[in-house]
Amino acid sequence: MLNSGLLNLERTFMLSFIRSNSQNTAQRPIINKSELDNVKSDDLRHYQVIKAPDGYESNAMSYNPRMHKFIKILMRNGNSYLARNLVDKALYNIKLKQVEKYNSTEDENARKEIETNPMKIFLSALDNTKPILKVIGIVKSGISYQVPVPMNENEREFKATKFILTSSREKDRNVRFYDKLADELIDAFKNQGKSIKKKVDIHKLAEANRAYAHYRWTKK
């Protein structure tokens, strides 16, 4: 009886050890289907423990991780369905406006320059709105300096999203939000609009304080 109890205890300990070890060494799953198709038969990932994907991740053609982050930042009070619906309507409006512009243009060369894919417009608008630098306050000898520092990729993506959403909310209150969001994305795609101006203002502030850039290595 005592021996069986010790065996069960040892088996439980070994199982818990294996599980904890596998969780620490487990690899991230491949979400992109095109990348999954390119995995060769001799790839080591065939023989490694793979983590389960997050609930929001998918290999569907309509899934985009940047779009998902944008919707999560837009979301209020946990209502992800409403946020997703607003973004979908904004993309639909972009499609309608760009196709209408395409059909009303008679010049064939001008038509080629008109982008009608709303997802490409959305991603290009985010890229165009990304700032490179930010300004932080650093105190040295009792004096506060505005010091320009570079931003990492996650900060740049977050700032671009906030610029677009804030600029959309600042537009005419009598216009529905997804219409304002569509207009702001088209403007940002063309390197115009309020969100681009916010990025330029940050860069101007960083440029004005470039003399204090060496203070970024100073401890607060």
N, C-alpha and C. Protein backbone atom coordinates (compact mmCIF):
# COMPACT_ATOMS: atom_id res chain seq x y z
N MET A 1 0.84 -1.20 0.00
CA MET A 1 0.00 0.00 0.00
C MET A 1 0.87 1.25 0.00
N LEU A 2 1.95 1.22 0.84
CA LEU A 2 2.85 2.36 0.92
C LEU A 2 3.63 2.51 -0.37
N ASN A 3 4.06 1.35 -0.95
CA ASN A 3 4.83 1.41 -2.18
C ASN A 3 3.99 1.96 -3.34
N SER A 4 2.71 1.56 -3.43
CA SER A 4 1.85 2.07 -4.50
C SER A 4 1.62 3.57 -4.35
N GLY A 5 1.50 4.02 -3.10
CA GLY A 5 1.33 5.46 -2.87
C GLY A 5 2.55 6.24 -3.29
N LEU A 6 3.75 5.69 -3.00
CA LEU A 6 4.98 6.35 -3.42
C LEU A 6 5.12 6.37 -4.93
N LEU A 7 4.71 5.27 -5.57
CA LEU A 7 4.77 5.22 -7.03
C LEU A 7 3.84 6.26 -7.67
N ASN A 8 2.63 6.38 -7.12
CA ASN A 8 1.68 7.38 -7.64
C ASN A 8 2.21 8.80 -7.44
N LEU A 9 2.84 9.02 -6.28
CA LEU A 9 3.40 10.35 -6.01
C LEU A 9 4.55 10.66 -6.97
N GLU A 10 5.40 9.65 -7.22
CA GLU A 10 6.51 9.85 -8.14
C GLU A 10 6.01 10.08 -9.56
N ARG A 11 4.97 9.32 -9.97
CA ARG A 11 4.41 9.48 -11.31
C ARG A 11 3.81 10.88 -11.48
N THR A 12 3.11 11.35 -10.45
CA THR A 12 2.51 12.70 -10.49
C THR A 12 3.58 13.77 -10.59
N PHE A 13 4.66 13.58 -9.84
CA PHE A 13 5.75 14.56 -9.86
C PHE A 13 6.40 14.60 -11.23
N MET A 14 6.63 13.43 -11.85
CA MET A 14 7.27 13.38 -13.15
C MET A 14 6.39 14.01 -14.22
N LEU A 15 5.07 13.76 -14.15
CA LEU A 15 4.15 14.35 -15.13
C LEU A 15 4.13 15.87 -15.03
N SER A 16 4.09 16.38 -13.79
CA SER A 16 4.08 17.83 -13.61
C SER A 16 5.39 18.45 -14.08
N PHE A 17 6.51 17.73 -13.87
CA PHE A 17 7.81 18.23 -14.32
C PHE A 17 7.87 18.29 -15.84
N ILE A 18 7.37 17.23 -16.49
CA ILE A 18 7.39 17.19 -17.96
C ILE A 18 6.51 18.29 -18.54
N ARG A 19 5.34 18.50 -17.91
CA ARG A 19 4.42 19.52 -18.42
C ARG A 19 5.03 20.92 -18.28
N SER A 20 5.61 21.19 -17.12
CA SER A 20 6.20 22.52 -16.92
C SER A 20 7.39 22.74 -17.84
N ASN A 21 8.17 21.69 -18.07
CA ASN A 21 9.33 21.81 -18.94
C ASN A 21 8.91 22.01 -20.39
N SER A 22 7.83 21.30 -20.80
CA SER A 22 7.36 21.44 -22.18
C SER A 22 6.75 22.81 -22.41
N GLN A 23 6.11 23.40 -21.39
CA GLN A 23 5.54 24.73 -21.55
C GLN A 23 6.63 25.78 -21.71
N ASN A 24 7.78 25.58 -21.05
CA ASN A 24 8.86 26.54 -21.14
C ASN A 24 9.59 26.46 -22.48
N THR A 25 9.62 25.27 -23.08
CA THR A 25 10.35 25.07 -24.32
C THR A 25 9.44 24.99 -25.54
N ALA A 26 8.14 25.12 -25.36
CA ALA A 26 7.21 25.00 -26.48
C ALA A 26 7.40 26.15 -27.46
N GLN A 27 7.23 25.85 -28.74
CA GLN A 27 7.41 26.82 -29.81
C GLN A 27 6.09 27.49 -30.17
N ARG A 28 6.21 28.70 -30.68
CA ARG A 28 5.03 29.43 -31.12
C ARG A 28 4.45 28.76 -32.37
N PRO A 29 3.13 28.69 -32.50
CA PRO A 29 2.54 28.09 -33.70
C PRO A 29 2.70 28.99 -34.92
N ILE A 30 2.65 28.39 -36.10
CA ILE A 30 2.70 29.14 -37.35
C ILE A 30 1.27 29.48 -37.74
N ILE A 31 0.97 30.78 -37.81
CA ILE A 31 -0.39 31.22 -38.11
C ILE A 31 -0.58 31.45 -39.60
N ASN A 32 0.46 31.98 -40.25
CA ASN A 32 0.37 32.29 -41.68
C ASN A 32 0.37 31.00 -42.50
N LYS A 33 -0.68 30.80 -43.30
CA LYS A 33 -0.81 29.55 -44.06
C LYS A 33 0.29 29.40 -45.11
N SER A 34 0.68 30.51 -45.75
CA SER A 34 1.74 30.42 -46.75
C SER A 34 3.06 29.99 -46.12
N GLU A 35 3.32 30.46 -44.90
CA GLU A 35 4.54 30.03 -44.19
C GLU A 35 4.42 28.57 -43.76
N LEU A 36 3.22 28.15 -43.41
CA LEU A 36 3.01 26.76 -43.00
C LEU A 36 3.22 25.81 -44.18
N ASP A 37 2.82 26.22 -45.37
CA ASP A 37 3.00 25.37 -46.55
C ASP A 37 4.48 25.21 -46.92
N ASN A 38 5.31 26.16 -46.49
CA ASN A 38 6.73 26.12 -46.84
C ASN A 38 7.58 25.35 -45.83
N VAL A 39 6.96 24.81 -44.77
CA VAL A 39 7.71 24.04 -43.78
C VAL A 39 8.14 22.70 -44.40
N LYS A 40 9.43 22.43 -44.36
CA LYS A 40 9.95 21.22 -44.98
C LYS A 40 9.77 20.01 -44.07
N SER A 41 9.91 18.83 -44.65
CA SER A 41 9.70 17.59 -43.90
C SER A 41 10.77 17.37 -42.84
N ASP A 42 11.98 17.92 -43.05
CA ASP A 42 13.06 17.72 -42.08
C ASP A 42 13.13 18.86 -41.07
N ASP A 43 12.12 19.73 -41.03
CA ASP A 43 12.10 20.84 -40.06
C ASP A 43 11.96 20.29 -38.65
N LEU A 44 12.76 20.81 -37.72
CA LEU A 44 12.76 20.32 -36.35
C LEU A 44 11.44 20.59 -35.63
N ARG A 45 10.67 21.55 -36.13
CA ARG A 45 9.40 21.88 -35.47
C ARG A 45 8.39 20.75 -35.57
N HIS A 46 8.62 19.79 -36.47
CA HIS A 46 7.74 18.62 -36.54
C HIS A 46 7.86 17.75 -35.29
N TYR A 47 8.98 17.87 -34.57
CA TYR A 47 9.24 16.99 -33.43
C TYR A 47 9.30 17.77 -32.11
N GLN A 48 8.88 19.02 -32.14
CA GLN A 48 8.88 19.84 -30.93
C GLN A 48 7.46 20.09 -30.44
N VAL A 49 7.37 20.46 -29.15
CA VAL A 49 6.08 20.79 -28.58
C VAL A 49 5.67 22.18 -29.06
N ILE A 50 4.45 22.30 -29.58
CA ILE A 50 3.94 23.55 -30.13
C ILE A 50 2.83 24.08 -29.22
N LYS A 51 2.91 25.36 -28.89
CA LYS A 51 1.86 25.98 -28.09
C LYS A 51 0.57 26.09 -28.89
N ALA A 52 -0.54 26.09 -28.19
CA ALA A 52 -1.81 26.33 -28.84
C ALA A 52 -1.91 27.80 -29.23
N PRO A 53 -2.50 28.12 -30.39
CA PRO A 53 -2.62 29.54 -30.77
C PRO A 53 -3.60 30.26 -29.85
N ASP A 54 -3.44 31.57 -29.77
CA ASP A 54 -4.38 32.37 -28.99
C ASP A 54 -5.76 32.33 -29.62
N GLY A 55 -6.76 32.65 -28.82
CA GLY A 55 -8.14 32.53 -29.29
C GLY A 55 -8.46 33.40 -30.48
N TYR A 56 -7.78 34.54 -30.62
CA TYR A 56 -8.08 35.46 -31.71
C TYR A 56 -7.29 35.16 -32.96
N GLU A 57 -6.26 34.30 -32.88
CA GLU A 57 -5.40 34.04 -34.03
C GLU A 57 -6.07 33.06 -34.98
N SER A 58 -5.86 33.28 -36.26
CA SER A 58 -6.49 32.45 -37.28
C SER A 58 -5.63 32.49 -38.54
N ASN A 59 -5.74 31.45 -39.36
CA ASN A 59 -5.04 31.44 -40.65
C ASN A 59 -5.99 31.77 -41.79
N ALA A 60 -7.16 32.35 -41.45
CA ALA A 60 -8.09 32.76 -42.49
C ALA A 60 -7.51 33.93 -43.27
N MET A 61 -7.95 34.08 -44.52
CA MET A 61 -7.43 35.14 -45.38
C MET A 61 -7.80 36.52 -44.85
N SER A 62 -8.91 36.62 -44.13
CA SER A 62 -9.37 37.92 -43.64
C SER A 62 -8.66 38.34 -42.35
N TYR A 63 -7.89 37.43 -41.73
CA TYR A 63 -7.23 37.76 -40.46
C TYR A 63 -5.93 38.50 -40.71
N ASN A 64 -5.73 39.57 -39.96
CA ASN A 64 -4.49 40.33 -40.02
C ASN A 64 -4.15 40.77 -38.60
N PRO A 65 -2.96 40.45 -38.09
CA PRO A 65 -2.63 40.79 -36.69
C PRO A 65 -2.64 42.29 -36.43
N ARG A 66 -2.24 43.10 -37.41
CA ARG A 66 -2.26 44.55 -37.22
C ARG A 66 -3.69 45.07 -37.16
N MET A 67 -4.55 44.49 -37.96
CA MET A 67 -5.97 44.85 -37.90
C MET A 67 -6.57 44.48 -36.55
N HIS A 68 -6.17 43.32 -36.03
CA HIS A 68 -6.68 42.88 -34.73
C HIS A 68 -6.26 43.84 -33.63
N LYS A 69 -5.00 44.29 -33.64
CA LYS A 69 -4.54 45.25 -32.63
C LYS A 69 -5.30 46.56 -32.75
N PHE A 70 -5.53 46.99 -33.98
CA PHE A 70 -6.27 48.24 -34.21
C PHE A 70 -7.67 48.14 -33.61
N ILE A 71 -8.33 47.02 -33.81
CA ILE A 71 -9.69 46.84 -33.28
C ILE A 71 -9.67 46.80 -31.76
N LYS A 72 -8.67 46.16 -31.16
CA LYS A 72 -8.58 46.09 -29.71
C LYS A 72 -8.37 47.47 -29.09
N ILE A 73 -7.60 48.34 -29.76
CA ILE A 73 -7.40 49.69 -29.24
C ILE A 73 -8.67 50.52 -29.40
N LEU A 74 -9.39 50.29 -30.49
CA LEU A 74 -10.65 51.00 -30.72
C LEU A 74 -11.74 50.55 -29.75
N MET A 75 -11.68 49.30 -29.30
CA MET A 75 -12.74 48.72 -28.49
C MET A 75 -12.96 49.48 -27.18
N ARG A 76 -14.23 49.61 -26.77
CA ARG A 76 -14.60 50.23 -25.51
C ARG A 76 -15.52 49.28 -24.73
N ASN A 77 -15.25 49.17 -23.43
CA ASN A 77 -16.08 48.36 -22.53
C ASN A 77 -16.17 46.90 -22.97
N GLY A 78 -15.13 46.40 -23.61
CA GLY A 78 -15.09 44.99 -24.00
C GLY A 78 -15.97 44.62 -25.16
N ASN A 79 -16.54 45.61 -25.86
CA ASN A 79 -17.46 45.33 -26.96
C ASN A 79 -16.66 45.20 -28.26
N SER A 80 -16.05 44.04 -28.45
CA SER A 80 -15.22 43.82 -29.64
C SER A 80 -16.05 43.70 -30.91
N TYR A 81 -17.30 43.23 -30.77
CA TYR A 81 -18.18 43.09 -31.95
C TYR A 81 -18.46 44.47 -32.55
N LEU A 82 -18.75 45.46 -31.70
CA LEU A 82 -19.03 46.80 -32.19
C LEU A 82 -17.79 47.40 -32.85
N ALA A 83 -16.62 47.22 -32.23
CA ALA A 83 -15.38 47.75 -32.79
C ALA A 83 -15.09 47.12 -34.15
N ARG A 84 -15.27 45.80 -34.25
CA ARG A 84 -15.04 45.11 -35.52
C ARG A 84 -16.03 45.59 -36.58
N ASN A 85 -17.27 45.80 -36.17
CA ASN A 85 -18.29 46.25 -37.10
C ASN A 85 -17.97 47.64 -37.64
N LEU A 86 -17.47 48.53 -36.78
CA LEU A 86 -17.10 49.88 -37.21
C LEU A 86 -15.96 49.85 -38.22
N VAL A 87 -14.96 49.02 -37.96
CA VAL A 87 -13.82 48.92 -38.88
C VAL A 87 -14.26 48.32 -40.22
N ASP A 88 -15.11 47.30 -40.17
CA ASP A 88 -15.61 46.69 -41.41
C ASP A 88 -16.38 47.70 -42.25
N LYS A 89 -17.22 48.51 -41.59
CA LYS A 89 -17.97 49.53 -42.33
C LYS A 89 -17.05 50.60 -42.91
N ALA A 90 -16.00 50.94 -42.15
CA ALA A 90 -15.04 51.92 -42.66
C ALA A 90 -14.33 51.38 -43.90
N LEU A 91 -13.91 50.12 -43.86
CA LEU A 91 -13.25 49.52 -45.03
C LEU A 91 -14.21 49.42 -46.21
N TYR A 92 -15.47 49.14 -45.93
CA TYR A 92 -16.49 49.08 -47.00
C TYR A 92 -16.66 50.45 -47.64
N ASN A 93 -16.69 51.50 -46.83
CA ASN A 93 -16.81 52.86 -47.37
C ASN A 93 -15.59 53.24 -48.20
N ILE A 94 -14.40 52.82 -47.73
CA ILE A 94 -13.18 53.08 -48.51
C ILE A 94 -13.28 52.42 -49.88
N LYS A 95 -13.75 51.20 -49.89
CA LYS A 95 -13.90 50.48 -51.17
C LYS A 95 -14.85 51.22 -52.10
N LEU A 96 -16.00 51.66 -51.57
CA LEU A 96 -16.97 52.37 -52.40
C LEU A 96 -16.40 53.67 -52.96
N LYS A 97 -15.72 54.43 -52.10
CA LYS A 97 -15.17 55.73 -52.54
C LYS A 97 -14.08 55.55 -53.58
N GLN A 98 -13.22 54.57 -53.38
CA GLN A 98 -12.11 54.39 -54.32
C GLN A 98 -12.61 53.83 -55.66
N VAL A 99 -13.59 52.94 -55.62
CA VAL A 99 -14.15 52.41 -56.87
C VAL A 99 -14.89 53.51 -57.63
N GLU A 100 -15.61 54.35 -56.88
CA GLU A 100 -16.30 55.47 -57.53
C GLU A 100 -15.29 56.43 -58.17
N LYS A 101 -14.21 56.69 -57.48
CA LYS A 101 -13.17 57.55 -58.03
C LYS A 101 -12.53 56.90 -59.25
N TYR A 102 -12.35 55.60 -59.20
CA TYR A 102 -11.76 54.87 -60.32
C TYR A 102 -12.66 54.94 -61.55
N ASN A 103 -13.95 54.75 -61.35
CA ASN A 103 -14.89 54.75 -62.48
C ASN A 103 -15.09 56.15 -63.06
N SER A 104 -14.95 57.17 -62.24
CA SER A 104 -15.13 58.54 -62.73
C SER A 104 -13.88 59.09 -63.41
N THR A 105 -12.77 58.38 -63.31
CA THR A 105 -11.52 58.83 -63.94
C THR A 105 -11.43 58.24 -65.34
N GLU A 106 -11.23 59.10 -66.32
CA GLU A 106 -11.18 58.65 -67.71
C GLU A 106 -9.76 58.35 -68.16
N ASP A 107 -8.79 59.01 -67.56
CA ASP A 107 -7.39 58.79 -67.95
C ASP A 107 -6.93 57.42 -67.46
N GLU A 108 -6.42 56.61 -68.37
CA GLU A 108 -6.02 55.25 -68.03
C GLU A 108 -4.80 55.24 -67.11
N ASN A 109 -3.87 56.16 -67.30
CA ASN A 109 -2.68 56.22 -66.43
C ASN A 109 -3.05 56.64 -65.02
N ALA A 110 -4.01 57.55 -64.90
CA ALA A 110 -4.46 57.97 -63.57
C ALA A 110 -5.21 56.85 -62.87
N ARG A 111 -5.90 56.03 -63.63
CA ARG A 111 -6.63 54.91 -63.03
C ARG A 111 -5.68 53.91 -62.37
N LYS A 112 -4.50 53.72 -63.01
CA LYS A 112 -3.56 52.75 -62.46
C LYS A 112 -3.02 53.18 -61.10
N GLU A 113 -3.05 54.48 -60.83
CA GLU A 113 -2.52 54.99 -59.56
C GLU A 113 -3.55 54.96 -58.44
N ILE A 114 -4.80 54.64 -58.76
CA ILE A 114 -5.87 54.61 -57.76
C ILE A 114 -5.91 53.23 -57.11
N GLU A 115 -5.71 53.17 -55.80
CA GLU A 115 -5.73 51.91 -55.06
C GLU A 115 -7.17 51.63 -54.61
N THR A 116 -7.69 50.46 -54.96
CA THR A 116 -9.07 50.11 -54.61
C THR A 116 -9.14 49.02 -53.55
N ASN A 117 -8.01 48.50 -53.12
CA ASN A 117 -8.00 47.47 -52.08
C ASN A 117 -8.03 48.15 -50.71
N PRO A 118 -9.11 48.04 -49.93
CA PRO A 118 -9.18 48.76 -48.64
C PRO A 118 -8.16 48.27 -47.62
N MET A 119 -7.79 46.99 -47.67
CA MET A 119 -6.80 46.49 -46.72
C MET A 119 -5.42 47.10 -46.98
N LYS A 120 -5.05 47.24 -48.25
CA LYS A 120 -3.77 47.88 -48.57
C LYS A 120 -3.78 49.34 -48.14
N ILE A 121 -4.92 50.02 -48.32
CA ILE A 121 -5.03 51.41 -47.89
C ILE A 121 -4.90 51.51 -46.38
N PHE A 122 -5.54 50.58 -45.66
CA PHE A 122 -5.47 50.58 -44.20
C PHE A 122 -4.04 50.38 -43.71
N LEU A 123 -3.34 49.39 -44.25
CA LEU A 123 -1.98 49.10 -43.81
C LEU A 123 -1.01 50.22 -44.20
N SER A 124 -1.19 50.78 -45.39
CA SER A 124 -0.33 51.89 -45.81
C SER A 124 -0.58 53.13 -44.96
N ALA A 125 -1.84 53.36 -44.58
CA ALA A 125 -2.16 54.50 -43.71
C ALA A 125 -1.47 54.36 -42.36
N LEU A 126 -1.46 53.14 -41.81
CA LEU A 126 -0.76 52.91 -40.55
C LEU A 126 0.74 53.15 -40.70
N ASP A 127 1.31 52.66 -41.79
CA ASP A 127 2.75 52.84 -42.01
C ASP A 127 3.11 54.31 -42.17
N ASN A 128 2.27 55.06 -42.88
CA ASN A 128 2.56 56.47 -43.10
C ASN A 128 2.43 57.30 -41.83
N THR A 129 1.63 56.82 -40.87
CA THR A 129 1.37 57.59 -39.65
C THR A 129 2.36 57.24 -38.54
N LYS A 130 3.17 56.23 -38.73
CA LYS A 130 4.10 55.82 -37.67
C LYS A 130 5.17 56.89 -37.43
N PRO A 131 5.28 57.40 -36.20
CA PRO A 131 6.39 58.31 -35.90
C PRO A 131 7.67 57.51 -35.65
N ILE A 132 8.79 58.18 -35.82
CA ILE A 132 10.09 57.55 -35.60
C ILE A 132 10.66 57.92 -34.23
N LEU A 133 10.42 59.17 -33.81
CA LEU A 133 10.98 59.68 -32.56
C LEU A 133 9.87 60.11 -31.62
N LYS A 134 10.21 60.15 -30.35
CA LYS A 134 9.34 60.72 -29.33
C LYS A 134 10.19 61.59 -28.40
N VAL A 135 9.55 62.37 -27.58
CA VAL A 135 10.25 63.28 -26.66
C VAL A 135 9.90 62.88 -25.23
N ILE A 136 10.91 62.67 -24.40
CA ILE A 136 10.70 62.33 -23.00
C ILE A 136 11.38 63.39 -22.13
N GLY A 137 10.87 63.57 -20.92
CA GLY A 137 11.45 64.53 -19.99
C GLY A 137 12.53 63.91 -19.13
N ILE A 138 13.70 64.49 -19.11
CA ILE A 138 14.82 64.02 -18.30
C ILE A 138 15.32 65.20 -17.46
N VAL A 139 15.46 64.97 -16.16
CA VAL A 139 15.93 66.02 -15.24
C VAL A 139 17.43 65.86 -15.05
N LYS A 140 18.16 66.95 -15.27
CA LYS A 140 19.62 66.95 -15.08
C LYS A 140 20.00 68.25 -14.38
N SER A 141 20.63 68.11 -13.22
CA SER A 141 21.04 69.26 -12.42
C SER A 141 19.86 70.17 -12.07
N GLY A 142 18.72 69.55 -11.80
CA GLY A 142 17.54 70.30 -11.41
C GLY A 142 16.79 70.94 -12.56
N ILE A 143 17.22 70.73 -13.79
CA ILE A 143 16.57 71.31 -14.96
C ILE A 143 15.97 70.17 -15.79
N SER A 144 14.73 70.36 -16.22
CA SER A 144 14.04 69.35 -17.02
C SER A 144 14.28 69.63 -18.50
N TYR A 145 14.73 68.62 -19.23
CA TYR A 145 14.99 68.75 -20.66
C TYR A 145 14.05 67.82 -21.43
N GLN A 146 13.59 68.30 -22.59
CA GLN A 146 12.81 67.47 -23.51
C GLN A 146 13.80 66.79 -24.46
N VAL A 147 13.97 65.49 -24.27
CA VAL A 147 15.02 64.75 -24.99
C VAL A 147 14.38 63.85 -26.05
N PRO A 148 14.78 63.98 -27.31
CA PRO A 148 14.25 63.08 -28.35
C PRO A 148 14.91 61.70 -28.28
N VAL A 149 14.09 60.67 -28.35
CA VAL A 149 14.59 59.28 -28.32
C VAL A 149 13.84 58.49 -29.40
N PRO A 150 14.47 57.48 -29.97
CA PRO A 150 13.78 56.66 -30.97
C PRO A 150 12.72 55.76 -30.33
N MET A 151 11.72 55.41 -31.10
CA MET A 151 10.64 54.55 -30.64
C MET A 151 10.83 53.15 -31.21
N ASN A 152 10.43 52.15 -30.41
CA ASN A 152 10.47 50.78 -30.94
C ASN A 152 9.24 50.52 -31.81
N GLU A 153 9.21 49.38 -32.45
CA GLU A 153 8.16 49.10 -33.43
C GLU A 153 6.77 49.05 -32.80
N ASN A 154 6.65 48.48 -31.61
CA ASN A 154 5.35 48.41 -30.95
C ASN A 154 4.83 49.79 -30.58
N GLU A 155 5.73 50.66 -30.11
CA GLU A 155 5.33 52.03 -29.79
C GLU A 155 4.88 52.77 -31.05
N ARG A 156 5.60 52.60 -32.13
CA ARG A 156 5.25 53.27 -33.37
C ARG A 156 3.87 52.83 -33.87
N GLU A 157 3.62 51.53 -33.80
CA GLU A 157 2.31 51.01 -34.24
C GLU A 157 1.18 51.54 -33.35
N PHE A 158 1.42 51.56 -32.04
CA PHE A 158 0.40 52.04 -31.11
C PHE A 158 0.13 53.52 -31.34
N LYS A 159 1.18 54.33 -31.50
CA LYS A 159 1.01 55.76 -31.71
C LYS A 159 0.26 56.04 -33.00
N ALA A 160 0.58 55.32 -34.06
CA ALA A 160 -0.10 55.51 -35.34
C ALA A 160 -1.59 55.21 -35.21
N THR A 161 -1.91 54.14 -34.48
CA THR A 161 -3.32 53.80 -34.26
C THR A 161 -4.03 54.88 -33.48
N LYS A 162 -3.39 55.37 -32.42
CA LYS A 162 -4.01 56.41 -31.60
C LYS A 162 -4.18 57.71 -32.39
N PHE A 163 -3.21 58.04 -33.24
CA PHE A 163 -3.33 59.25 -34.05
C PHE A 163 -4.54 59.17 -34.97
N ILE A 164 -4.71 58.02 -35.63
CA ILE A 164 -5.82 57.86 -36.57
C ILE A 164 -7.16 57.90 -35.85
N LEU A 165 -7.27 57.19 -34.73
CA LEU A 165 -8.54 57.15 -34.00
C LEU A 165 -8.87 58.51 -33.39
N THR A 166 -7.87 59.18 -32.79
CA THR A 166 -8.12 60.49 -32.19
C THR A 166 -8.51 61.51 -33.25
N SER A 167 -7.83 61.50 -34.39
CA SER A 167 -8.16 62.42 -35.47
C SER A 167 -9.56 62.16 -36.03
N SER A 168 -9.96 60.90 -36.07
CA SER A 168 -11.31 60.56 -36.55
C SER A 168 -12.37 61.08 -35.59
N ARG A 169 -12.10 60.96 -34.29
CA ARG A 169 -13.08 61.44 -33.30
C ARG A 169 -13.17 62.96 -33.27
N GLU A 170 -12.11 63.64 -33.68
CA GLU A 170 -12.10 65.11 -33.66
C GLU A 170 -12.86 65.72 -34.83
N LYS A 171 -13.28 64.92 -35.78
CA LYS A 171 -14.00 65.44 -36.94
C LYS A 171 -15.44 65.80 -36.55
N ASP A 172 -16.25 66.19 -37.53
CA ASP A 172 -17.63 66.64 -37.32
C ASP A 172 -18.43 65.60 -36.54
N ARG A 173 -19.04 66.01 -35.45
CA ARG A 173 -19.79 65.09 -34.59
C ARG A 173 -21.10 64.62 -35.24
N ASN A 174 -21.55 65.32 -36.27
CA ASN A 174 -22.79 64.93 -36.95
C ASN A 174 -22.57 63.81 -37.96
N VAL A 175 -21.30 63.47 -38.20
CA VAL A 175 -20.97 62.40 -39.14
C VAL A 175 -20.70 61.12 -38.37
N ARG A 176 -21.17 60.00 -38.89
CA ARG A 176 -20.97 58.72 -38.21
C ARG A 176 -19.48 58.36 -38.17
N PHE A 177 -19.12 57.63 -37.10
CA PHE A 177 -17.70 57.41 -36.84
C PHE A 177 -17.03 56.63 -37.97
N TYR A 178 -17.69 55.60 -38.52
CA TYR A 178 -17.02 54.81 -39.55
C TYR A 178 -16.82 55.61 -40.83
N ASP A 179 -17.66 56.62 -41.08
CA ASP A 179 -17.42 57.51 -42.23
C ASP A 179 -16.18 58.38 -41.98
N LYS A 180 -16.07 58.90 -40.75
CA LYS A 180 -14.91 59.72 -40.41
C LYS A 180 -13.63 58.88 -40.43
N LEU A 181 -13.72 57.64 -39.95
CA LEU A 181 -12.54 56.76 -39.95
C LEU A 181 -12.11 56.45 -41.38
N ALA A 182 -13.06 56.23 -42.26
CA ALA A 182 -12.73 55.96 -43.66
C ALA A 182 -12.02 57.15 -44.30
N ASP A 183 -12.53 58.36 -44.04
CA ASP A 183 -11.90 59.56 -44.60
C ASP A 183 -10.49 59.75 -44.05
N GLU A 184 -10.31 59.49 -42.75
CA GLU A 184 -8.99 59.68 -42.15
C GLU A 184 -7.99 58.66 -42.68
N LEU A 185 -8.42 57.43 -42.91
CA LEU A 185 -7.53 56.41 -43.46
C LEU A 185 -7.12 56.75 -44.89
N ILE A 186 -8.06 57.27 -45.67
CA ILE A 186 -7.72 57.66 -47.04
C ILE A 186 -6.74 58.83 -47.03
N ASP A 187 -6.98 59.80 -46.14
CA ASP A 187 -6.05 60.94 -46.04
C ASP A 187 -4.66 60.49 -45.61
N ALA A 188 -4.60 59.59 -44.61
CA ALA A 188 -3.30 59.09 -44.16
C ALA A 188 -2.61 58.28 -45.25
N PHE A 189 -3.38 57.57 -46.06
CA PHE A 189 -2.82 56.83 -47.18
C PHE A 189 -2.15 57.77 -48.18
N LYS A 190 -2.69 59.00 -48.30
CA LYS A 190 -2.14 60.01 -49.20
C LYS A 190 -1.12 60.91 -48.49
N ASN A 191 -0.75 60.56 -47.24
CA ASN A 191 0.16 61.39 -46.43
C ASN A 191 -0.43 62.77 -46.18
N GLN A 192 -1.72 62.80 -45.87
CA GLN A 192 -2.43 64.03 -45.56
C GLN A 192 -3.25 63.82 -44.30
N GLY A 193 -3.92 64.89 -43.85
CA GLY A 193 -4.86 64.76 -42.74
C GLY A 193 -4.26 65.05 -41.38
N LYS A 194 -5.13 65.00 -40.37
CA LYS A 194 -4.74 65.36 -39.01
C LYS A 194 -3.75 64.37 -38.40
N SER A 195 -3.92 63.09 -38.69
CA SER A 195 -3.03 62.09 -38.09
C SER A 195 -1.59 62.27 -38.59
N ILE A 196 -1.43 62.61 -39.87
CA ILE A 196 -0.09 62.88 -40.39
C ILE A 196 0.48 64.14 -39.75
N LYS A 197 -0.38 65.14 -39.53
CA LYS A 197 0.07 66.38 -38.89
C LYS A 197 0.56 66.11 -37.46
N LYS A 198 -0.12 65.20 -36.74
CA LYS A 198 0.32 64.87 -35.38
C LYS A 198 1.70 64.22 -35.41
N LYS A 199 1.94 63.37 -36.39
CA LYS A 199 3.27 62.75 -36.51
C LYS A 199 4.33 63.80 -36.83
N VAL A 200 4.02 64.71 -37.74
CA VAL A 200 4.97 65.76 -38.11
C VAL A 200 5.26 66.67 -36.92
N ASP A 201 4.24 66.97 -36.11
CA ASP A 201 4.45 67.83 -34.93
C ASP A 201 5.41 67.19 -33.94
N ILE A 202 5.30 65.87 -33.75
CA ILE A 202 6.23 65.16 -32.85
C ILE A 202 7.65 65.24 -33.39
N HIS A 203 7.81 65.05 -34.70
CA HIS A 203 9.13 65.11 -35.30
C HIS A 203 9.71 66.53 -35.23
N LYS A 204 8.86 67.55 -35.38
CA LYS A 204 9.33 68.93 -35.26
C LYS A 204 9.80 69.23 -33.83
N LEU A 205 9.05 68.71 -32.85
CA LEU A 205 9.44 68.91 -31.45
C LEU A 205 10.77 68.21 -31.17
N ALA A 206 10.94 67.01 -31.71
CA ALA A 206 12.20 66.28 -31.53
C ALA A 206 13.35 67.01 -32.22
N GLU A 207 13.07 67.57 -33.40
CA GLU A 207 14.10 68.31 -34.12
C GLU A 207 14.50 69.57 -33.37
N ALA A 208 13.52 70.23 -32.75
CA ALA A 208 13.82 71.46 -32.01
C ALA A 208 14.68 71.18 -30.77
N ASN A 209 14.59 69.97 -30.23
CA ASN A 209 15.34 69.61 -29.02
C ASN A 209 16.49 68.65 -29.31
N ARG A 210 16.96 68.63 -30.55
CA ARG A 210 18.01 67.68 -30.92
C ARG A 210 19.32 67.96 -30.17
N ALA A 211 19.51 69.18 -29.67
CA ALA A 211 20.74 69.51 -28.95
C ALA A 211 20.86 68.74 -27.64
N TYR A 212 19.71 68.23 -27.12
CA TYR A 212 19.72 67.49 -25.86
C TYR A 212 19.65 65.98 -26.08
N ALA A 213 19.89 65.55 -27.30
CA ALA A 213 19.75 64.13 -27.60
C ALA A 213 20.72 63.28 -26.81
N HIS A 214 21.91 63.84 -26.47
CA HIS A 214 22.91 63.03 -25.75
C HIS A 214 22.48 62.78 -24.30
N TYR A 215 21.45 63.48 -23.82
CA TYR A 215 20.97 63.26 -22.45
C TYR A 215 20.14 61.96 -22.32
N ARG A 216 19.86 61.33 -23.43
CA ARG A 216 19.05 60.10 -23.38
C ARG A 216 19.77 59.00 -22.61
N TRP A 217 21.11 59.08 -22.49
CA TRP A 217 21.87 58.08 -21.75
C TRP A 217 22.07 58.50 -20.29
N THR A 218 21.51 59.65 -19.93
CA THR A 218 21.64 60.13 -18.55
C THR A 218 20.61 59.47 -17.67
N LYS A 219 21.01 58.97 -16.51
CA LYS A 219 20.09 58.37 -15.57
C LYS A 219 19.26 59.47 -14.90
N LYS A 220 17.97 59.17 -14.68
CA LYS A 220 17.10 60.13 -14.04
C LYS A 220 17.43 60.25 -12.57
